[in-house]
Amino acid sequence: PPSVRGDRERLMQCLTALVDNALAYAPAGPVELALSQAPGSVVWHVRDRGPGVSAEERERIFERFARGSAAAAAQRRGSGLGLALVRLLMQAMGGTVVAADRPGGGADFQLRLPLR
């Protein structure tokens, strides 16, 4: 398997946060984990079949204290810090996190770390 730069514990923390969110906002469907390779990086996917993330919210949900419309619709309580922490941890490791559409509906949160 390809080797990446990063901290195993922090990567697990990020994956756990994304899986927790997927389970909270898409309780009716399964959460899928996948791994892919992009040019110069490895991508971990956390995919769900929930309401997804609108294009307008895709950057804002990673800001501190921001919560997406799915949180309000689901009447979920939270501080709005989870995704902001994921972004900070990924940046500290030289990586990124993005929210994308899942083919067939739902969200595809992607953690990207550069190859070693």
Protein backbone atom coordinates (compact mmCIF):
# COMPACT_ATOMS: atom_id res chain seq x y z
CA PRO A 1 0.00 0.00 0.00
CA PRO A 2 1.15 3.57 -0.58
CA SER A 3 2.80 5.40 2.29
CA VAL A 4 1.59 8.86 3.34
CA ARG A 5 2.86 11.65 5.55
CA GLY A 6 0.74 12.05 8.65
CA ASP A 7 -0.03 10.99 12.19
CA ARG A 8 -1.92 7.70 12.55
CA GLU A 9 -3.69 8.78 15.76
CA ARG A 10 -4.83 12.10 14.27
CA LEU A 11 -6.00 10.41 11.07
CA MET A 12 -8.09 7.98 13.15
CA GLN A 13 -9.51 10.92 15.09
CA CYS A 14 -10.56 12.56 11.82
CA LEU A 15 -12.10 9.37 10.42
CA THR A 16 -13.97 8.76 13.68
CA ALA A 17 -15.43 12.29 13.62
CA LEU A 18 -16.60 11.86 10.02
CA VAL A 19 -18.14 8.45 10.70
CA ASP A 20 -19.90 9.82 13.81
CA ASN A 21 -21.35 12.66 11.71
CA ALA A 22 -22.47 10.27 8.98
CA LEU A 23 -24.22 8.06 11.53
CA ALA A 24 -25.90 11.08 13.12
CA TYR A 25 -27.16 12.71 9.93
CA ALA A 26 -27.88 9.64 7.81
CA PRO A 27 -29.26 7.07 10.26
CA ALA A 28 -31.39 5.28 7.64
CA GLY A 29 -28.58 4.12 5.39
CA PRO A 30 -25.19 2.48 5.69
CA VAL A 31 -21.97 4.44 6.05
CA GLU A 32 -19.35 3.38 3.52
CA LEU A 33 -15.60 3.68 3.97
CA ALA A 34 -13.35 3.58 0.94
CA LEU A 35 -9.76 4.29 0.03
CA SER A 36 -8.55 5.62 -3.30
CA GLN A 37 -5.45 7.16 -4.75
CA ALA A 38 -5.36 10.54 -6.50
CA PRO A 39 -2.30 12.08 -8.17
CA GLY A 40 0.19 12.58 -5.35
CA SER A 41 -2.15 11.63 -2.53
CA VAL A 42 -4.24 8.98 -0.83
CA VAL A 43 -7.93 9.67 -0.19
CA TRP A 44 -10.05 8.19 2.59
CA HIS A 45 -13.79 8.44 1.84
CA VAL A 46 -16.62 8.44 4.36
CA ARG A 47 -19.84 8.17 2.35
CA ASP A 48 -23.42 8.25 3.54
CA ARG A 49 -26.92 8.26 2.05
CA GLY A 50 -28.19 11.24 4.03
CA PRO A 51 -29.27 14.66 2.78
CA GLY A 52 -25.79 15.58 1.58
CA VAL A 53 -24.16 19.00 1.87
CA SER A 54 -25.28 21.84 -0.36
CA ALA A 55 -22.64 23.49 -2.55
CA GLU A 56 -23.17 26.74 -0.63
CA GLU A 57 -22.33 25.08 2.70
CA ARG A 58 -19.34 22.96 1.68
CA GLU A 59 -16.71 25.43 2.89
CA ARG A 60 -18.67 26.98 5.72
CA ILE A 61 -19.26 23.70 7.59
CA PHE A 62 -15.51 23.47 8.26
CA GLU A 63 -15.47 26.82 10.10
CA ARG A 64 -15.61 26.96 13.91
CA PHE A 65 -19.12 27.05 15.36
CA ALA A 66 -20.73 26.58 11.93
CA ARG A 67 -23.46 24.03 11.49
CA GLY A 68 -25.06 22.96 8.24
CA SER A 69 -28.73 22.93 7.43
CA ALA A 70 -28.83 19.15 7.92
CA ALA A 71 -28.05 19.68 11.61
CA ALA A 72 -30.99 22.05 11.99
CA ALA A 73 -33.32 19.79 10.03
CA ALA A 74 -32.33 16.77 12.13
CA GLN A 75 -32.59 18.84 15.31
CA ARG A 76 -29.14 17.62 16.30
CA ARG A 77 -27.30 19.34 19.09
CA GLY A 78 -23.66 20.15 18.68
CA SER A 79 -21.06 22.84 19.05
CA GLY A 80 -20.07 23.16 15.42
CA LEU A 81 -16.45 22.31 16.26
CA GLY A 82 -16.12 18.74 14.98
CA LEU A 83 -15.51 19.45 11.28
CA ALA A 84 -13.39 22.51 12.12
CA LEU A 85 -11.14 20.27 14.20
CA VAL A 86 -10.93 17.73 11.38
CA ARG A 87 -9.81 20.49 9.00
CA LEU A 88 -7.18 21.79 11.45
CA LEU A 89 -5.78 18.29 12.05
CA MET A 90 -5.62 17.53 8.34
CA GLN A 91 -3.89 20.86 7.62
CA ALA A 92 -1.36 20.14 10.39
CA MET A 93 -0.51 16.88 8.59
CA GLY A 94 -0.22 18.61 5.22
CA GLY A 95 -3.55 17.29 4.02
CA THR A 96 -7.08 18.47 3.32
CA VAL A 97 -10.69 17.55 3.97
CA VAL A 98 -13.50 18.20 1.50
CA ALA A 99 -17.21 17.53 1.32
CA ALA A 100 -18.50 16.28 -2.02
CA ASP A 101 -21.63 14.65 -3.41
CA ARG A 102 -21.92 10.89 -3.18
CA PRO A 103 -22.97 9.30 -6.46
CA GLY A 104 -26.59 8.28 -6.00
CA GLY A 105 -27.22 10.83 -3.24
CA GLY A 106 -25.70 11.68 0.09
CA ALA A 107 -22.31 13.03 1.10
CA ASP A 108 -18.74 11.92 0.41
CA PHE A 109 -16.33 13.40 2.95
CA GLN A 110 -12.76 12.97 1.79
CA LEU A 111 -9.54 13.08 3.80
CA ARG A 112 -6.51 13.60 1.56
CA LEU A 113 -2.88 13.12 2.61
CA PRO A 114 0.14 13.51 0.35
CA LEU A 115 2.19 10.48 -0.62
CA ARG A 116 5.53 10.09 1.08
